Amino acid sequence: MTTTSELMHWRLQALLRENSFPDLEYLGERPSYKTGNEVPWYRIGGAEVPVDAITELDAMEEEDDAL
């Protein structure tokens, strides 16, 4: 059965394939501090986060300052 963490990983991978995000990077697999299992890790902003610690994903739109 597919886990919530796997679904989040697939969603993040799809976002990275289709877009360019300077503040989102896939780091590979490492042990999670939550479970100890090998899971995908991402750099989000300045934080390194295991995928099983990401609970939701929302896009933030930048405002156009050139009005």
C-alpha atoms as a PDB file:
ATOM      1  CA  MET A   1       0.000   0.000   0.000  1.00  0.00           C
ATOM      2  CA  THR A   2       1.226   3.476  -0.880  1.00  0.00           C
ATOM      3  CA  THR A   3       2.008   5.710   2.095  1.00  0.00           C
ATOM      4  CA  THR A   4       1.329   9.417   2.507  1.00  0.00           C
ATOM      5  CA  SER A   5       5.100  10.019   2.493  1.00  0.00           C
ATOM      6  CA  GLU A   6       5.496   8.230  -0.848  1.00  0.00           C
ATOM      7  CA  LEU A   7       2.695  10.297  -2.353  1.00  0.00           C
ATOM      8  CA  MET A   8       4.327  13.506  -1.092  1.00  0.00           C
ATOM      9  CA  HIS A   9       7.684  12.417  -2.564  1.00  0.00           C
ATOM     10  CA  TRP A  10       6.080  11.730  -5.962  1.00  0.00           C
ATOM     11  CA  ARG A  11       4.307  15.084  -5.863  1.00  0.00           C
ATOM     12  CA  LEU A  12       7.541  16.920  -5.060  1.00  0.00           C
ATOM     13  CA  GLN A  13       9.392  15.048  -7.811  1.00  0.00           C
ATOM     14  CA  ALA A  14       6.703  16.029 -10.322  1.00  0.00           C
ATOM     15  CA  LEU A  15       6.981  19.679  -9.244  1.00  0.00           C
ATOM     16  CA  LEU A  16      10.757  19.598  -9.668  1.00  0.00           C
ATOM     17  CA  ARG A  17      10.493  17.994 -13.120  1.00  0.00           C
ATOM     18  CA  GLU A  18       7.967  20.533 -14.398  1.00  0.00           C
ATOM     19  CA  ASN A  19       9.217  23.716 -12.715  1.00  0.00           C
ATOM     20  CA  SER A  20      12.308  25.482 -11.432  1.00  0.00           C
ATOM     21  CA  PHE A  21      12.316  26.293  -7.723  1.00  0.00           C
ATOM     22  CA  PRO A  22      15.463  27.902  -6.306  1.00  0.00           C
ATOM     23  CA  ASP A  23      14.349  27.062  -2.758  1.00  0.00           C
ATOM     24  CA  LEU A  24      13.446  23.366  -3.350  1.00  0.00           C
ATOM     25  CA  GLU A  25      16.050  20.642  -3.902  1.00  0.00           C
ATOM     26  CA  TYR A  26      16.019  16.844  -3.660  1.00  0.00           C
ATOM     27  CA  LEU A  27      18.887  15.648  -1.436  1.00  0.00           C
ATOM     28  CA  GLY A  28      18.610  11.861  -1.725  1.00  0.00           C
ATOM     29  CA  GLU A  29      17.689   9.242   0.854  1.00  0.00           C
ATOM     30  CA  ARG A  30      18.787   9.270   4.491  1.00  0.00           C
ATOM     31  CA  PRO A  31      17.410   7.973   7.773  1.00  0.00           C
ATOM     32  CA  SER A  32      14.471  10.022   9.015  1.00  0.00           C
ATOM     33  CA  TYR A  33      14.701  11.565  12.458  1.00  0.00           C
ATOM     34  CA  LYS A  34      11.011  10.700  12.873  1.00  0.00           C
ATOM     35  CA  THR A  35      11.052   6.986  12.057  1.00  0.00           C
ATOM     36  CA  GLY A  36      14.669   5.959  11.474  1.00  0.00           C
ATOM     37  CA  ASN A  37      13.649   4.589   8.044  1.00  0.00           C
ATOM     38  CA  GLU A  38      15.472   5.569   4.855  1.00  0.00           C
ATOM     39  CA  VAL A  39      13.322   8.280   3.251  1.00  0.00           C
ATOM     40  CA  PRO A  40      13.798  11.022   0.636  1.00  0.00           C
ATOM     41  CA  TRP A  41      15.077  14.332   1.991  1.00  0.00           C
ATOM     42  CA  TYR A  42      14.537  17.799   0.535  1.00  0.00           C
ATOM     43  CA  ARG A  43      16.037  21.224   1.113  1.00  0.00           C
ATOM     44  CA  ILE A  44      13.157  23.664   1.473  1.00  0.00           C
ATOM     45  CA  GLY A  45      14.396  27.190   1.891  1.00  0.00           C
ATOM     46  CA  GLY A  46      17.320  26.766   4.274  1.00  0.00           C
ATOM     47  CA  ALA A  47      15.996  23.673   6.056  1.00  0.00           C
ATOM     48  CA  GLU A  48      16.768  20.025   5.280  1.00  0.00           C
ATOM     49  CA  VAL A  49      13.571  18.020   5.818  1.00  0.00           C
ATOM     50  CA  PRO A  50      12.672  14.316   5.518  1.00  0.00           C
ATOM     51  CA  VAL A  51       9.629  13.722   3.333  1.00  0.00           C
ATOM     52  CA  ASP A  52       7.783  12.059   6.238  1.00  0.00           C
ATOM     53  CA  ALA A  53       7.924  15.373   8.122  1.00  0.00           C
ATOM     54  CA  ILE A  54       6.184  17.308   5.316  1.00  0.00           C
ATOM     55  CA  THR A  55       2.461  17.376   6.045  1.00  0.00           C
ATOM     56  CA  GLU A  56       1.173  19.708   3.317  1.00  0.00           C
ATOM     57  CA  LEU A  57       2.364  21.507   0.251  1.00  0.00           C
ATOM     58  CA  ASP A  58       1.097  24.962  -0.687  1.00  0.00           C
ATOM     59  CA  ALA A  59       2.331  27.230  -3.440  1.00  0.00           C
ATOM     60  CA  MET A  60       3.093  30.838  -2.666  1.00  0.00           C
ATOM     61  CA  GLU A  61       2.653  33.295  -5.512  1.00  0.00           C
ATOM     62  CA  GLU A  62       5.000  36.241  -5.757  1.00  0.00           C
ATOM     63  CA  GLU A  63       3.422  39.645  -6.130  1.00  0.00           C
ATOM     64  CA  ASP A  64       4.445  41.680  -9.139  1.00  0.00           C
ATOM     65  CA  ASP A  65       6.092  44.869  -7.835  1.00  0.00           C
ATOM     66  CA  ALA A  66       6.357  46.420 -11.298  1.00  0.00           C
ATOM     67  CA  LEU A  67       2.966  48.144 -11.228  1.00  0.00           C
END
